[in-house]
């Protein structure tokens, strides 16, 4: 398009249109973000599904491995005793993991974002003029 065919608009017309243009720009940017996030979440979902499938096969492999350990031990002892020994070892490992997890949860405390709350309170005091943002 040449300058001769395009009507010239004045500054007032452009200023009047500016809020609408900004709104349209923001709407288009939001749609672009939504589209991009949908595509990325779809890929994340596919990846998570593949990982879940791999985990199922790992559990199956662990079952076969435990069976092999029981069969190997049954060469030197009765099969029921080998199965009880393997089950006992698995129970000890589960108890140890549960104990370590419990200690970690107790050590962490309540799930309250205390640092974020402190920061928000400092911001609020700064807005009210009670203190400066950098104060503790």
Protein backbone atom coordinates (compact mmCIF):
# COMPACT_ATOMS: atom_id res chain seq x y z
CA UNK A 1 0.00 0.00 0.00
CA UNK A 2 1.33 3.42 -0.80
CA UNK A 3 0.98 6.47 1.37
CA UNK A 4 -1.47 8.02 -1.12
CA UNK A 5 -4.08 5.23 -0.76
CA UNK A 6 -3.89 4.98 3.05
CA UNK A 7 -5.89 7.68 4.84
CA UNK A 8 -3.82 9.74 7.23
CA UNK A 9 -5.09 9.70 10.78
CA UNK A 10 -4.48 12.37 13.29
CA UNK A 11 -2.84 12.04 16.67
CA UNK A 12 -6.19 12.21 18.46
CA UNK A 13 -7.56 9.29 16.39
CA UNK A 14 -4.48 7.22 17.18
CA UNK A 15 -4.71 8.01 20.89
CA UNK A 16 -8.39 7.04 20.91
CA UNK A 17 -7.57 3.70 19.26
CA UNK A 18 -4.58 3.00 21.50
CA UNK A 19 -6.48 1.29 24.39
CA UNK A 20 -8.28 -1.00 21.91
CA UNK A 21 -5.03 -1.83 20.15
CA UNK A 22 -3.31 -2.61 23.45
CA UNK A 23 -6.24 -4.79 24.52
CA UNK A 24 -6.11 -6.71 21.22
CA UNK A 25 -2.35 -7.13 21.57
CA UNK A 26 -2.68 -8.47 25.12
CA UNK A 27 -5.48 -10.86 24.04
CA UNK A 28 -3.35 -12.19 21.18
CA UNK A 29 -0.35 -12.63 23.47
CA UNK A 30 -2.51 -14.52 25.99
CA UNK A 31 -3.80 -16.79 23.21
CA UNK A 32 -0.22 -17.39 22.07
CA UNK A 33 0.78 -18.35 25.61
CA UNK A 34 -2.24 -20.68 25.91
CA UNK A 35 -1.44 -22.38 22.61
CA UNK A 36 2.21 -22.82 23.52
CA UNK A 37 1.38 -24.19 26.97
CA UNK A 38 -1.16 -26.65 25.54
CA UNK A 39 1.46 -28.02 23.16
CA UNK A 40 4.09 -28.29 25.88
CA UNK A 41 1.71 -29.93 28.37
CA UNK A 42 0.69 -32.45 25.69
CA UNK A 43 4.33 -33.37 25.20
CA UNK A 44 4.85 -33.55 28.97
CA UNK A 45 1.84 -35.86 29.25
CA UNK A 46 3.20 -38.19 26.58
CA UNK A 47 6.60 -38.21 28.28
CA UNK A 48 5.04 -38.91 31.68
CA UNK A 49 3.01 -41.77 30.19
CA UNK A 50 6.14 -43.33 28.71
CA UNK A 51 7.95 -43.03 32.05
CA UNK A 52 4.98 -44.63 33.83
CA UNK A 53 5.14 -47.52 31.35
CA UNK A 54 8.85 -47.92 32.05
CA UNK A 55 8.15 -48.00 35.80
CA UNK A 56 5.62 -50.81 35.31
CA UNK A 57 8.27 -52.86 33.50
CA UNK A 58 10.84 -52.11 36.19
CA UNK A 59 8.46 -53.46 38.85
CA UNK A 60 7.89 -56.57 36.76
CA UNK A 61 11.66 -56.99 36.41
CA UNK A 62 12.08 -56.63 40.17
CA UNK A 63 9.53 -59.38 40.72
CA UNK A 64 11.44 -61.68 38.37
CA UNK A 65 14.72 -60.76 40.06
CA UNK A 66 13.31 -61.52 43.51
CA UNK A 67 12.03 -64.85 42.22
CA UNK A 68 15.50 -65.64 40.87
CA UNK A 69 17.02 -64.82 44.27
CA UNK A 70 14.53 -67.11 46.00
CA UNK A 71 15.26 -69.91 43.52
CA UNK A 72 19.00 -69.47 43.98
CA UNK A 73 18.66 -69.65 47.77
CA UNK A 74 16.40 -72.71 47.47
CA UNK A 75 19.40 -74.65 46.18
CA UNK A 76 20.99 -74.48 49.66
CA UNK A 77 17.79 -74.44 51.78
CA UNK A 78 14.09 -75.27 51.49
CA UNK A 79 12.12 -72.99 49.15
CA UNK A 80 9.83 -71.71 51.89
CA UNK A 81 12.84 -70.64 53.98
CA UNK A 82 14.40 -68.83 51.01
CA UNK A 83 11.12 -66.99 50.38
CA UNK A 84 10.88 -65.99 54.07
CA UNK A 85 14.48 -64.68 54.07
CA UNK A 86 13.87 -62.55 50.95
CA UNK A 87 10.57 -61.28 52.40
CA UNK A 88 12.31 -60.40 55.68
CA UNK A 89 15.04 -58.44 53.89
CA UNK A 90 12.39 -56.56 51.88
CA UNK A 91 10.51 -55.78 55.10
CA UNK A 92 13.68 -54.42 56.73
CA UNK A 93 14.38 -52.19 53.72
CA UNK A 94 10.76 -50.92 53.74
CA UNK A 95 10.93 -50.16 57.48
CA UNK A 96 14.23 -48.32 57.07
CA UNK A 97 12.85 -46.19 54.21
CA UNK A 98 9.66 -45.44 56.17
CA UNK A 99 11.68 -44.38 59.22
CA UNK A 100 13.94 -42.11 57.16
CA UNK A 101 10.90 -40.59 55.43
CA UNK A 102 9.17 -39.99 58.76
CA UNK A 103 12.26 -38.25 60.16
CA UNK A 104 12.48 -36.03 57.08
CA UNK A 105 8.80 -35.04 57.37
CA UNK A 106 9.10 -34.24 61.09
CA UNK A 107 12.30 -32.26 60.46
CA UNK A 108 10.65 -30.21 57.71
CA UNK A 109 7.75 -29.09 59.88
CA UNK A 110 4.42 -27.69 58.77
CA UNK A 111 4.11 -26.93 55.04
CA UNK A 112 3.77 -23.19 55.53
CA UNK A 113 5.68 -20.86 53.15
CA UNK A 114 7.13 -18.83 56.03
CA UNK A 115 9.79 -17.08 53.93
CA UNK A 116 7.18 -15.89 51.43
CA UNK A 117 4.90 -14.73 54.25
CA UNK A 118 7.77 -12.79 55.86
CA UNK A 119 8.59 -11.18 52.52
CA UNK A 120 4.96 -10.18 51.97
CA UNK A 121 4.76 -8.70 55.47
CA UNK A 122 7.94 -6.67 54.81
CA UNK A 123 6.44 -5.46 51.52
CA UNK A 124 3.22 -4.47 53.28
CA UNK A 125 5.15 -2.55 55.96
CA UNK A 126 7.17 -0.80 53.23
CA UNK A 127 3.99 0.18 51.37
CA UNK A 128 2.52 1.57 54.59
CA UNK A 129 5.77 3.43 55.17
CA UNK A 130 6.56 1.62 58.41
CA UNK A 131 9.95 0.38 57.30
CA UNK A 132 12.17 -0.14 54.29
CA UNK A 133 12.03 -3.18 51.97
CA UNK A 134 15.49 -4.37 53.04
CA UNK A 135 14.65 -4.48 56.79
CA UNK A 136 14.31 -7.88 58.43
